[in-house]
């Protein structure tokens, strides 16, 4: 590995050159185009200063191709800082392991959360569908209820009309009964009067019969007396 101060030169054929570009992190101390350095990329242009942010190379400064377009950028670099010590690499490796594990846990939790959200969304859709059918059924039930209420109102009106008709018939029957009762009472009164008149006439008839009987008896007595007078006269 190679490390030099500003103004030193290096070639991309040195051992410090590699073709794999690590992830980077912004740095105010080591950033921008290194015009003052003699290092040049494959385009023979000044390199860009960058700081690695990956695995055990985290924090190491390097030079890379300054092209912004991916198709023009060569994936190669030149390390400025030497490799870290074994202890530093171990510590950085442990930090990255913790970071990766935390990321895996986050991804696992997100995946689990996503699955739960998917289930919740499915349950929500199912509930919305059930709610839609429930609303349709409820609307039908309300329509049937309104129709039943309408029919009940019509039935009540019909019952009211029947009651009125029955009341009229009852009144008519009552009037008819009263008229029959009046006529019957009148007929009974006339009958009673006729009975009384008949009884009176019977009494008068009996009286006349007695009178006639008496008169006939008297007539027979007169006849006997006349006959006796006639016999007396004949004797003379």
Protein backbone atom coordinates (compact mmCIF):
# COMPACT_ATOMS: atom_id res chain seq x y z
CA UNK A 1 0.00 0.00 0.00
CA UNK A 2 1.11 3.57 -0.73
CA UNK A 3 0.64 6.79 1.21
CA UNK A 4 2.04 10.17 0.19
CA UNK A 5 1.61 13.83 0.87
CA UNK A 6 0.27 16.44 -1.54
CA UNK A 7 2.47 16.90 -4.59
CA UNK A 8 3.57 13.27 -4.77
CA UNK A 9 2.84 11.20 -7.81
CA UNK A 10 1.58 7.67 -8.37
CA UNK A 11 0.57 5.39 -11.20
CA UNK A 12 -2.64 3.30 -11.53
CA UNK A 13 -0.38 0.32 -12.06
CA UNK A 14 0.91 0.46 -8.44
CA UNK A 15 -0.14 -2.08 -5.83
CA UNK A 16 -2.27 0.62 -4.20
CA UNK A 17 -4.65 0.62 -7.18
CA UNK A 18 -7.78 -1.63 -7.17
CA UNK A 19 -10.76 -1.92 -9.46
CA UNK A 20 -13.45 -2.22 -6.76
CA UNK A 21 -15.04 1.06 -5.66
CA UNK A 22 -16.31 0.98 -2.05
CA UNK A 23 -19.20 2.94 -0.64
CA UNK A 24 -18.25 6.45 0.44
CA UNK A 25 -19.19 9.04 3.03
CA UNK A 26 -18.94 12.86 2.64
CA UNK A 27 -15.90 14.51 4.27
CA UNK A 28 -15.01 18.21 4.57
CA UNK A 29 -11.34 17.45 5.18
CA UNK A 30 -10.88 15.09 2.24
CA UNK A 31 -13.11 15.91 -0.67
CA UNK A 32 -13.29 17.59 -4.04
CA UNK A 33 -11.04 17.29 -7.10
CA UNK A 34 -7.36 16.75 -6.29
CA UNK A 35 -5.88 19.20 -8.83
CA UNK A 36 -2.72 19.61 -6.76
CA UNK A 37 -1.93 15.91 -6.93
CA UNK A 38 -0.13 14.31 -9.85
CA UNK A 39 -2.43 11.24 -9.81
CA UNK A 40 -4.62 10.90 -12.88
CA UNK A 41 -7.40 8.47 -13.73
CA UNK A 42 -7.70 6.42 -16.90
CA UNK A 43 -9.07 9.54 -18.64
CA UNK A 44 -5.80 11.31 -17.70
CA UNK A 45 -7.81 13.75 -15.60
CA UNK A 46 -7.45 14.75 -11.91
CA UNK A 47 -9.01 12.36 -9.44
CA UNK A 48 -11.68 13.04 -6.84
CA UNK A 49 -10.96 12.70 -3.14
CA UNK A 50 -13.29 10.29 -1.31
CA UNK A 51 -13.51 8.51 2.05
CA UNK A 52 -14.49 4.83 2.22
CA UNK A 53 -17.45 3.78 4.29
CA UNK A 54 -17.48 0.01 3.93
CA UNK A 55 -16.27 -2.94 5.99
CA UNK A 56 -12.78 -2.73 7.49
CA UNK A 57 -11.77 0.02 5.01
CA UNK A 58 -14.13 2.50 6.68
CA UNK A 59 -12.43 5.88 7.14
CA UNK A 60 -9.61 5.31 4.62
CA UNK A 61 -9.02 8.08 2.11
CA UNK A 62 -8.67 7.22 -1.58
CA UNK A 63 -8.65 8.71 -5.06
CA UNK A 64 -11.20 7.72 -7.69
CA UNK A 65 -12.27 8.66 -11.19
CA UNK A 66 -14.05 12.01 -11.16
CA UNK A 67 -16.45 11.22 -14.01
CA UNK A 68 -20.08 11.62 -12.89
CA UNK A 69 -21.71 9.50 -15.57
CA UNK A 70 -21.71 5.82 -14.65
CA UNK A 71 -20.97 4.66 -18.19
CA UNK A 72 -17.83 6.87 -18.29
CA UNK A 73 -16.68 6.21 -14.72
CA UNK A 74 -13.99 3.58 -14.20
CA UNK A 75 -14.59 1.46 -11.09
CA UNK A 76 -11.02 1.81 -9.81
CA UNK A 77 -9.33 3.65 -6.96
CA UNK A 78 -5.97 4.47 -5.39
CA UNK A 79 -5.70 4.19 -1.63
CA UNK A 80 -4.08 7.11 0.17
CA UNK A 81 -4.26 5.70 3.71
CA UNK A 82 -2.63 2.37 4.54
CA UNK A 83 -4.67 -0.52 5.88
CA UNK A 84 -5.76 -0.17 9.49
CA UNK A 85 -4.18 -2.24 12.18
CA UNK A 86 -5.61 -5.68 12.94
CA UNK A 87 -7.24 -4.46 16.18
CA UNK A 88 -8.78 -1.47 14.35
CA UNK A 89 -10.02 -3.73 11.57
CA UNK A 90 -11.51 -6.09 14.17
CA UNK A 91 -13.30 -3.22 15.94
CA UNK A 92 -14.56 -1.80 12.65
CA UNK A 93 -15.61 -5.28 11.55
CA UNK A 94 -17.53 -5.74 14.82
CA UNK A 95 -19.25 -2.39 14.34
CA UNK A 96 -20.22 -3.33 10.80
CA UNK A 97 -21.40 -6.73 12.00
CA UNK A 98 -23.56 -5.00 14.60
CA UNK A 99 -24.72 -2.58 11.93
CA UNK A 100 -25.50 -5.38 9.49
CA UNK A 101 -27.27 -7.36 12.20
CA UNK A 102 -29.29 -4.31 13.14
CA UNK A 103 -30.13 -3.78 9.49
CA UNK A 104 -31.11 -7.43 9.17
CA UNK A 105 -33.28 -7.09 12.27
CA UNK A 106 -34.82 -3.94 10.84
CA UNK A 107 -35.38 -5.66 7.50
CA UNK A 108 -36.82 -8.70 9.30
CA UNK A 109 -39.06 -6.45 11.41
CA UNK A 110 -40.06 -4.47 8.34
CA UNK A 111 -40.78 -7.71 6.49
CA UNK A 112 -42.84 -8.95 9.43
CA UNK A 113 -44.53 -5.59 9.66
CA UNK A 114 -45.13 -5.67 5.91
CA UNK A 115 -46.68 -9.13 6.19
CA UNK A 116 -48.86 -7.94 9.08
CA UNK A 117 -49.78 -4.83 7.10
CA UNK A 118 -50.58 -7.06 4.13
CA UNK A 119 -52.82 -9.17 6.34
CA UNK A 120 -54.38 -6.04 7.82
CA UNK A 121 -54.94 -4.61 4.35
CA UNK A 122 -56.47 -7.91 3.24
CA UNK A 123 -58.63 -7.97 6.36
CA UNK A 124 -59.57 -4.35 5.76
CA UNK A 125 -60.54 -5.11 2.17
CA UNK A 126 -62.52 -8.11 3.32
CA UNK A 127 -64.26 -6.01 5.98
CA UNK A 128 -64.93 -3.27 3.42
CA UNK A 129 -66.42 -5.87 1.09
CA UNK A 130 -68.49 -7.28 3.94
CA UNK A 131 -69.49 -3.75 4.89
CA UNK A 132 -70.50 -3.08 1.29
CA UNK A 133 -72.66 -6.21 1.23
CA UNK A 134 -73.98 -5.29 4.67
CA UNK A 135 -74.94 -1.84 3.40
CA UNK A 136 -76.67 -3.43 0.40
CA UNK A 137 -78.49 -5.88 2.67
CA UNK A 138 -79.34 -3.06 5.06
CA UNK A 139 -80.66 -0.94 2.19
CA UNK A 140 -82.79 -3.89 1.03
CA UNK A 141 -83.99 -4.43 4.59
CA UNK A 142 -84.88 -0.74 4.93
CA UNK A 143 -86.71 -0.88 1.59
CA UNK A 144 -88.61 -3.98 2.73
CA UNK A 145 -89.31 -2.29 6.06
CA UNK A 146 -90.63 0.82 4.32
CA UNK A 147 -92.74 -1.37 2.05
CA UNK A 148 -94.04 -3.27 5.10
CA UNK A 149 -94.78 0.03 6.86
CA UNK A 150 -96.57 1.25 3.75
CA UNK A 151 -98.56 -1.98 3.58
CA UNK A 152 -99.28 -1.72 7.31
CA UNK A 153 -100.50 1.85 6.79
CA UNK A 154 -102.73 0.68 3.94
CA UNK A 155 -103.98 -2.19 6.11
CA UNK A 156 -104.71 0.21 8.96
CA UNK A 157 -106.61 2.49 6.60
CA UNK A 158 -108.54 -0.52 5.33
CA UNK A 159 -109.25 -1.61 8.93
CA UNK A 160 -110.38 1.93 9.77
CA UNK A 161 -112.69 1.91 6.77
CA UNK A 162 -114.04 -1.50 7.82
CA UNK A 163 -114.56 -0.24 11.35
CA UNK A 164 -116.44 2.77 10.04
CA UNK A 165 -118.51 0.51 7.81
CA UNK A 166 -119.19 -1.80 10.75
CA UNK A 167 -120.18 1.18 12.89
CA UNK A 168 -122.54 2.34 10.17
CA UNK A 169 -123.98 -1.15 9.87
CA UNK A 170 -124.23 -1.39 13.64
CA UNK A 171 -126.04 1.93 13.77
CA UNK A 172 -128.28 0.81 10.91
CA UNK A 173 -128.96 -2.49 12.64
CA UNK A 174 -129.58 -0.65 15.90
CA UNK A 175 -131.98 1.67 14.15
CA UNK A 176 -133.63 -1.31 12.49
CA UNK A 177 -133.86 -3.07 15.86
CA UNK A 178 -135.33 0.04 17.43
CA UNK A 179 -137.82 0.33 14.58
CA UNK A 180 -138.74 -3.34 14.95
CA UNK A 181 -139.06 -2.88 18.69
CA UNK A 182 -141.30 0.15 18.18
CA UNK A 183 -143.41 -1.66 15.61
CA UNK A 184 -143.58 -4.72 17.84
CA UNK A 185 -144.55 -2.62 20.84
CA UNK A 186 -147.20 -0.89 18.77
CA UNK A 187 -148.50 -4.20 17.44
CA UNK A 188 -148.55 -5.65 20.96
CA UNK A 189 -150.43 -2.60 22.19
CA UNK A 190 -152.95 -2.91 19.38
CA UNK A 191 -153.22 -6.62 20.10
CA UNK A 192 -153.85 -5.92 23.77
CA UNK A 193 -156.46 -3.37 22.81
CA UNK A 194 -158.09 -5.87 20.47
CA UNK A 195 -158.04 -8.48 23.22
CA UNK A 196 -159.65 -6.05 25.62
CA UNK A 197 -162.19 -5.11 22.98
CA UNK A 198 -162.87 -8.78 22.32
CA UNK A 199 -163.28 -9.49 26.03
CA UNK A 200 -165.59 -6.49 26.35
CA UNK A 201 -167.61 -7.65 23.37
CA UNK A 202 -167.78 -11.14 24.90
CA UNK A 203 -169.13 -9.66 28.11
CA UNK A 204 -171.63 -7.59 26.19
CA UNK A 205 -172.60 -10.68 24.22
CA UNK A 206 -173.11 -12.59 27.43
CA UNK A 207 -175.23 -9.77 28.77
CA UNK A 208 -177.29 -9.71 25.57
CA UNK A 209 -177.67 -13.46 25.73
CA UNK A 210 -178.95 -13.17 29.32
CA UNK A 211 -181.31 -10.41 28.29
CA UNK A 212 -182.55 -12.38 25.33
CA UNK A 213 -182.93 -15.45 27.52
CA UNK A 214 -184.91 -13.45 30.06
CA UNK A 215 -187.01 -11.95 27.34
CA UNK A 216 -187.67 -15.36 25.88
CA UNK A 217 -188.66 -16.65 29.32
CA UNK A 218 -190.93 -13.68 29.76
CA UNK A 219 -192.35 -14.32 26.30
CA UNK A 220 -193.10 -17.92 27.22
CA UNK A 221 -194.81 -16.69 30.40
CA UNK A 222 -196.89 -14.27 28.40
CA UNK A 223 -197.78 -17.04 26.01
CA UNK A 224 -198.86 -19.25 28.91
CA UNK A 225 -200.94 -16.43 30.35
CA UNK A 226 -202.51 -15.74 26.97
CA UNK A 227 -203.24 -19.41 26.55
CA UNK A 228 -204.86 -19.57 29.98
CA UNK A 229 -206.90 -16.45 29.25
CA UNK A 230 -207.98 -18.02 26.01
CA UNK A 231 -209.02 -21.22 27.75
CA UNK A 232 -210.98 -19.22 30.30
CA UNK A 233 -212.66 -17.32 27.56
CA UNK A 234 -213.51 -20.51 25.74
CA UNK A 235 -215.20 -21.82 28.82
CA UNK A 236 -217.49 -18.91 28.78
